[in-house]
């Protein structure tokens, strides 16, 4: 395994981890916050509900998967 491949695999596992939907939710939330900052709106109001929504969705998916 080459050094470059191991380097990308480390970052993939570090960022994505076990649930790729959380990574997508975090990136989407940060993109919305960046857009709010660009428009001179308070982005700090957006991030706590976004984090709560991403965590709730992740827990709901995990509970539904375990309930089968």
Foldseek 3Di string as FASTA:
>chain_A
DDPVVVVVVVVCCVQCNPHNLLSVLVVVLVVVLVVCVVVVHDSVVRPVVSNVVSVVVVVVVVVVVVVD
